Structures are given as structure tokens and as C-alpha cells.
N, C-alpha and C. Protein backbone atom coordinates (compact mmCIF):
# COMPACT_ATOMS: atom_id res chain seq x y z
N GLN A 1 94.31 116.66 58.80
CA GLN A 1 94.93 115.23 57.93
C GLN A 1 93.94 114.44 56.67
N VAL A 2 94.98 113.98 55.29
CA VAL A 2 94.60 113.24 55.00
C VAL A 2 93.51 112.55 54.51
N GLN A 3 92.51 112.40 53.53
CA GLN A 3 92.12 111.60 54.69
C GLN A 3 91.17 110.89 53.00
N LEU A 4 91.78 109.31 51.84
CA LEU A 4 91.53 109.04 51.04
C LEU A 4 90.34 108.42 51.43
N VAL A 5 89.13 108.17 49.63
CA VAL A 5 87.88 107.24 49.75
C VAL A 5 87.75 107.05 48.03
N GLU A 6 88.63 105.22 48.40
CA GLU A 6 88.39 105.17 47.44
C GLU A 6 86.50 104.41 46.39
N SER A 7 86.59 104.27 45.51
CA SER A 7 84.96 103.41 45.30
C SER A 7 85.03 103.05 43.57
N GLY A 8 83.54 101.89 42.80
CA GLY A 8 84.30 101.87 41.88
C GLY A 8 84.12 101.00 41.82
N GLY A 9 84.73 100.15 42.60
CA GLY A 9 85.36 98.05 42.72
C GLY A 9 83.94 97.46 42.74
N GLY A 10 84.07 96.55 42.35
CA GLY A 10 83.11 95.42 42.12
C GLY A 10 83.35 93.80 41.46
N LEU A 11 82.19 92.71 40.79
CA LEU A 11 82.54 92.24 39.68
C LEU A 11 82.96 92.10 38.23
N VAL A 12 83.60 91.69 37.86
CA VAL A 12 83.64 92.08 36.18
C VAL A 12 83.44 90.54 35.42
N GLN A 13 82.93 90.33 34.63
CA GLN A 13 83.61 89.35 33.35
C GLN A 13 84.83 90.32 33.24
N PRO A 14 85.88 88.76 33.04
CA PRO A 14 86.77 88.75 32.19
C PRO A 14 86.76 89.29 30.66
N GLY A 15 87.34 90.64 30.39
CA GLY A 15 87.28 91.55 28.40
C GLY A 15 86.80 92.73 29.34
N GLY A 16 85.57 92.60 30.57
CA GLY A 16 85.27 93.71 30.64
C GLY A 16 85.54 95.16 31.68
N SER A 17 84.89 96.05 32.38
CA SER A 17 85.69 97.56 32.50
C SER A 17 85.23 97.80 33.72
N LEU A 18 86.08 98.53 34.89
CA LEU A 18 85.56 99.18 36.20
C LEU A 18 86.10 101.04 35.87
N ARG A 19 85.61 101.31 36.50
CA ARG A 19 86.69 102.86 36.76
C ARG A 19 86.24 102.56 38.58
N LEU A 20 88.10 103.15 39.02
CA LEU A 20 87.64 103.27 40.18
C LEU A 20 87.71 105.46 40.19
N SER A 21 87.27 105.42 41.49
CA SER A 21 88.02 106.79 41.69
C SER A 21 88.35 106.83 42.90
N CYS A 22 89.14 107.69 43.70
CA CYS A 22 89.69 108.20 44.70
C CYS A 22 89.04 109.99 45.49
N ALA A 23 88.63 109.75 46.18
CA ALA A 23 87.84 111.13 46.49
C ALA A 23 89.49 111.54 47.86
N ALA A 24 89.84 112.95 47.41
CA ALA A 24 90.50 113.35 48.88
C ALA A 24 89.69 114.12 49.26
N SER A 25 90.33 114.26 50.59
CA SER A 25 89.77 115.87 51.97
C SER A 25 90.90 116.03 52.64
N GLY A 26 91.17 116.94 52.75
CA GLY A 26 91.80 117.49 54.05
C GLY A 26 92.60 118.05 53.39
N GLY A 27 93.85 118.17 52.11
CA GLY A 27 95.00 118.95 52.08
C GLY A 27 94.84 119.21 50.68
N ILE A 28 96.14 119.52 50.14
CA ILE A 28 96.31 120.55 49.05
C ILE A 28 96.30 119.40 47.73
N PHE A 29 95.18 118.43 47.68
CA PHE A 29 95.60 117.83 46.40
C PHE A 29 96.49 117.96 45.52
N SER A 30 96.81 119.33 44.98
CA SER A 30 96.85 119.56 43.50
C SER A 30 98.10 118.90 43.89
N ILE A 31 99.36 119.28 45.24
CA ILE A 31 100.69 119.01 45.09
C ILE A 31 101.19 117.39 46.07
N TYR A 32 100.05 117.03 45.43
CA TYR A 32 100.61 115.41 45.99
C TYR A 32 100.55 114.69 44.55
N VAL A 33 101.28 113.64 44.52
CA VAL A 33 101.78 112.53 43.42
C VAL A 33 100.80 111.32 43.96
N MET A 34 100.10 110.79 43.35
CA MET A 34 98.40 109.69 43.37
C MET A 34 98.80 108.73 42.72
N GLY A 35 98.66 107.64 43.81
CA GLY A 35 98.59 105.67 42.31
C GLY A 35 97.91 105.73 43.39
N TRP A 36 97.51 104.62 42.24
CA TRP A 36 96.94 103.29 43.42
C TRP A 36 98.18 102.00 42.64
N TYR A 37 97.54 100.84 43.62
CA TYR A 37 98.59 100.49 44.45
C TYR A 37 96.81 98.98 44.35
N ARG A 38 97.49 97.75 44.54
CA ARG A 38 97.12 96.90 44.50
C ARG A 38 98.04 95.49 44.84
N GLN A 39 96.14 95.17 45.76
CA GLN A 39 97.43 93.13 46.83
C GLN A 39 95.81 92.32 46.46
N ALA A 40 96.73 91.42 46.03
CA ALA A 40 96.07 90.37 45.91
C ALA A 40 97.08 89.00 46.75
N PRO A 41 95.14 88.27 47.54
CA PRO A 41 95.68 87.87 48.39
C PRO A 41 96.68 86.56 47.97
N GLY A 42 97.46 87.00 48.99
CA GLY A 42 99.06 85.69 49.63
C GLY A 42 99.72 86.63 48.67
N LYS A 43 99.42 87.90 48.11
CA LYS A 43 100.87 88.53 46.95
C LYS A 43 100.90 89.97 48.44
N GLN A 44 102.30 90.77 47.19
CA GLN A 44 102.66 91.49 48.13
C GLN A 44 102.16 92.73 47.64
N ARG A 45 101.40 94.21 47.87
CA ARG A 45 101.48 95.19 47.19
C ARG A 45 102.20 95.46 46.45
N GLU A 46 101.52 96.77 45.08
CA GLU A 46 102.13 96.25 44.49
C GLU A 46 101.47 97.67 42.99
N LEU A 47 102.47 98.61 43.21
CA LEU A 47 102.05 99.52 42.32
C LEU A 47 101.52 99.38 41.19
N VAL A 48 100.42 99.79 40.74
CA VAL A 48 99.91 99.60 39.31
C VAL A 48 99.94 100.74 38.24
N ALA A 49 100.32 101.92 39.04
CA ALA A 49 100.27 103.54 38.22
C ALA A 49 99.94 104.66 39.08
N ALA A 50 101.01 105.45 38.35
CA ALA A 50 101.31 106.96 39.40
C ALA A 50 101.06 107.35 38.48
N ILE A 51 100.43 109.59 39.33
CA ILE A 51 100.54 110.56 38.12
C ILE A 51 100.19 111.54 39.31
N ARG A 52 101.75 112.54 38.60
CA ARG A 52 102.10 114.06 39.35
C ARG A 52 100.87 114.33 38.91
N SER A 53 101.66 115.72 40.32
CA SER A 53 100.57 116.42 39.72
C SER A 53 100.34 117.44 38.26
N ARG A 54 100.93 117.78 38.09
CA ARG A 54 100.67 118.31 36.52
C ARG A 54 100.18 117.06 35.28
N GLY A 55 100.33 115.68 35.56
CA GLY A 55 99.68 114.83 35.12
C GLY A 55 101.03 113.94 34.45
N GLY A 56 102.22 113.75 34.77
CA GLY A 56 102.99 112.94 33.99
C GLY A 56 102.57 111.62 34.69
N THR A 57 102.69 110.49 34.09
CA THR A 57 101.95 109.39 34.54
C THR A 57 103.41 108.26 34.42
N ASN A 58 103.02 106.93 34.75
CA ASN A 58 103.82 105.93 34.68
C ASN A 58 102.90 104.33 35.51
N TYR A 59 102.86 103.19 34.28
CA TYR A 59 102.51 102.44 35.11
C TYR A 59 103.15 101.12 34.66
N ALA A 60 103.03 100.58 35.44
CA ALA A 60 103.43 98.74 35.88
C ALA A 60 103.31 97.76 34.57
N ASP A 61 104.37 97.40 33.94
CA ASP A 61 103.98 97.35 32.31
C ASP A 61 102.51 95.99 32.52
N PHE A 62 102.49 95.05 33.50
CA PHE A 62 101.72 94.32 33.38
C PHE A 62 100.07 95.31 33.34
N VAL A 63 99.88 96.35 33.31
CA VAL A 63 98.58 97.38 32.85
C VAL A 63 98.57 98.41 32.08
N LYS A 64 99.97 98.03 31.10
CA LYS A 64 99.80 98.95 29.86
C LYS A 64 99.14 98.82 29.09
N GLY A 65 98.62 99.86 28.79
CA GLY A 65 97.60 99.39 26.90
C GLY A 65 95.59 99.31 28.08
N ARG A 66 95.74 98.53 28.83
CA ARG A 66 94.52 98.26 29.40
C ARG A 66 94.12 99.34 30.43
N PHE A 67 94.91 100.02 31.14
CA PHE A 67 94.73 101.53 32.55
C PHE A 67 94.72 102.57 32.04
N THR A 68 94.20 103.80 32.52
CA THR A 68 95.16 104.69 32.56
C THR A 68 94.14 105.27 33.48
N ILE A 69 95.97 106.46 34.28
CA ILE A 69 95.36 106.57 35.33
C ILE A 69 94.98 108.07 35.27
N SER A 70 94.38 109.40 35.54
CA SER A 70 93.72 110.56 35.85
C SER A 70 93.16 111.22 36.77
N ARG A 71 93.09 112.28 36.70
CA ARG A 71 93.48 113.16 37.92
C ARG A 71 92.11 114.67 37.59
N ASP A 72 91.97 115.06 38.37
CA ASP A 72 90.80 115.59 38.39
C ASP A 72 91.53 117.32 39.68
N ASN A 73 92.25 117.46 39.75
CA ASN A 73 93.08 118.97 40.47
C ASN A 73 91.12 119.38 41.04
N ALA A 74 90.34 119.94 40.25
CA ALA A 74 90.00 120.70 40.96
C ALA A 74 88.66 119.83 41.56
N LYS A 75 88.43 118.60 41.72
CA LYS A 75 87.40 118.56 42.10
C LYS A 75 88.67 116.93 43.44
N SER A 76 89.85 117.67 43.15
CA SER A 76 90.40 116.67 44.07
C SER A 76 90.60 115.44 44.54
N THR A 77 90.62 114.82 43.34
CA THR A 77 89.38 112.96 42.76
C THR A 77 90.75 112.33 41.21
N MET A 78 90.93 111.59 41.47
CA MET A 78 91.78 110.68 40.90
C MET A 78 91.08 109.46 40.33
N TYR A 79 90.87 109.08 39.61
CA TYR A 79 90.92 107.90 38.87
C TYR A 79 91.00 106.24 37.96
N LEU A 80 91.01 105.36 37.97
CA LEU A 80 91.94 104.61 37.25
C LEU A 80 90.55 104.26 35.97
N GLN A 81 91.26 103.90 35.19
CA GLN A 81 89.89 103.28 34.11
C GLN A 81 90.56 101.95 33.97
N MET A 82 90.00 100.83 33.27
CA MET A 82 90.53 99.57 33.41
C MET A 82 89.61 99.07 32.63
N ASN A 83 90.56 98.61 31.82
CA ASN A 83 89.33 97.45 30.47
C ASN A 83 90.51 96.21 30.42
N SER A 84 89.20 95.61 29.49
CA SER A 84 90.25 94.52 29.16
C SER A 84 90.94 93.78 30.30
N LEU A 85 89.96 93.41 31.77
CA LEU A 85 89.97 93.29 32.94
C LEU A 85 90.05 91.22 32.74
N LYS A 86 91.49 91.30 32.90
CA LYS A 86 92.07 89.31 33.30
C LYS A 86 91.24 89.04 35.26
N PRO A 87 91.11 88.23 34.66
CA PRO A 87 91.30 87.29 36.50
C PRO A 87 92.66 87.66 37.28
N GLU A 88 93.71 87.59 36.79
CA GLU A 88 94.96 88.09 37.06
C GLU A 88 94.80 89.62 37.97
N ASP A 89 93.53 90.45 37.46
CA ASP A 89 93.86 92.09 37.78
C ASP A 89 92.60 91.48 39.69
N THR A 90 92.72 90.38 39.89
CA THR A 90 92.05 90.93 41.47
C THR A 90 92.53 91.11 42.00
N ALA A 91 91.87 91.33 42.94
CA ALA A 91 92.74 92.26 43.95
C ALA A 91 92.41 93.25 44.51
N VAL A 92 92.08 93.76 46.04
CA VAL A 92 91.39 94.83 46.85
C VAL A 92 92.56 96.12 45.87
N TYR A 93 92.50 97.45 45.44
CA TYR A 93 92.82 98.37 44.69
C TYR A 93 93.02 99.62 46.30
N TYR A 94 93.93 99.73 45.87
CA TYR A 94 93.73 101.19 47.46
C TYR A 94 94.72 102.66 46.50
N CYS A 95 94.50 103.53 46.40
CA CYS A 95 94.03 104.77 46.42
C CYS A 95 96.16 104.79 47.36
N ASN A 96 96.66 106.19 47.06
CA ASN A 96 97.93 106.80 47.55
C ASN A 96 98.25 108.16 47.52
N GLY A 97 98.03 108.86 48.30
CA GLY A 97 99.09 109.87 47.84
C GLY A 97 100.11 110.61 49.12
N ARG A 98 101.04 110.92 47.96
CA ARG A 98 102.20 111.31 49.20
C ARG A 98 102.36 112.30 48.45
N THR A 99 103.15 113.10 49.24
CA THR A 99 104.35 114.38 49.44
C THR A 99 105.19 114.12 48.05
N VAL A 100 105.83 115.26 47.07
CA VAL A 100 107.09 114.59 46.09
C VAL A 100 108.53 114.39 47.31
N ASP A 101 108.44 114.39 48.47
CA ASP A 101 109.35 114.21 49.23
C ASP A 101 109.61 112.79 50.17
N GLY A 102 108.18 112.63 49.71
CA GLY A 102 107.90 111.30 50.43
C GLY A 102 107.96 111.35 51.34
N THR A 103 107.73 112.69 52.29
CA THR A 103 107.27 112.76 54.20
C THR A 103 106.70 112.36 54.64
N ARG A 104 105.51 112.42 53.50
CA ARG A 104 103.84 111.54 53.94
C ARG A 104 103.20 111.27 53.11
N SER A 105 102.66 110.26 53.05
CA SER A 105 102.36 109.80 52.24
C SER A 105 101.07 108.74 53.00
N TYR A 106 99.93 108.95 52.88
CA TYR A 106 98.65 108.41 52.37
C TYR A 106 98.06 107.55 52.09
N TRP A 107 96.64 106.56 52.92
CA TRP A 107 96.34 105.29 51.88
C TRP A 107 95.08 105.57 52.60
N GLY A 108 94.06 105.28 50.96
CA GLY A 108 92.89 104.44 51.33
C GLY A 108 92.22 103.14 51.98
N GLN A 109 91.63 102.97 52.20
CA GLN A 109 91.02 101.87 52.84
C GLN A 109 91.10 100.57 51.82
N GLY A 110 91.11 100.98 50.48
CA GLY A 110 90.87 99.61 49.85
C GLY A 110 89.15 100.25 49.11
N THR A 111 89.56 98.95 47.57
CA THR A 111 87.86 98.35 46.89
C THR A 111 88.35 96.79 46.13
N GLN A 112 87.60 96.17 46.58
CA GLN A 112 87.49 95.12 46.17
C GLN A 112 87.52 95.24 44.43
N VAL A 113 88.17 94.32 43.55
CA VAL A 113 87.95 94.69 42.64
C VAL A 113 88.03 93.01 42.58
N THR A 114 86.81 92.19 41.38
CA THR A 114 87.38 90.76 41.24
C THR A 114 87.04 90.49 39.45
N VAL A 115 87.81 90.38 39.02
CA VAL A 115 87.28 90.04 37.26
C VAL A 115 86.90 88.27 37.96
N SER A 116 85.66 87.27 37.18
CA SER A 116 85.39 86.54 36.89
C SER A 116 83.94 86.33 36.20
N SER A 117 84.04 85.13 35.88
CA SER A 117 82.82 84.82 34.89
C SER A 117 81.91 84.11 36.28
């Protein structure tokens, strides 16, 4: 059973930065497509960024140029560097890992990010 644990959330002022981490255990991390999603109160969960096993990435338009996703397969860990944070980035951020064919998908418990002055 794959387990994903996020960390690094918190309260930050607008314009500030945070780095989220997602540590995986119980599976072969390198084969999974990994992604960060977020869900704000009253809104649907949405994709923020995703990274494939060999490092190919894609980003939601609302974070392009501000957020960077990365992974360290040797450490079974994925990261999200968030810069130039805005109040509208406030949400619970979730880590997801799935097989390429989508037959298996796993979620972390989420970490709260609050951007406020």
C-alpha cells in the first residue's frame, strides 16, 4: 500500500514563498506520475502541477512562472516550490501519485497553505 505524506504548508504573506514536500513509501516511487492538487473552501479540487517519472512537467496556467514541481526518485519525494504567493493560492494542497495507466491512484492527507497579510 502506497502512503503519501505532505509537509511544508503554513501561513505566509503575499509575495512570499513556501516549499511543499511529499514523501512516499510502500511502492516503487519512480514509476508513478506525481502531482500536486489543491482545494479551496467551496471549490473543486484542481490540478496545480504534475511530473512524470523521467521529469516531464506540466502546470496549471494560474501557477506558471511562480511554482516549480520536482522529484527525487532516490528519496521517493516530490516537491513544490511556490514563489510569489497570492491570497488566491490559499487552499489545502494534496499530493497524488498514480500509475501511468491510471488504474491505481493514491492521495496524501493534505497540507494547508494560507496566504494572508
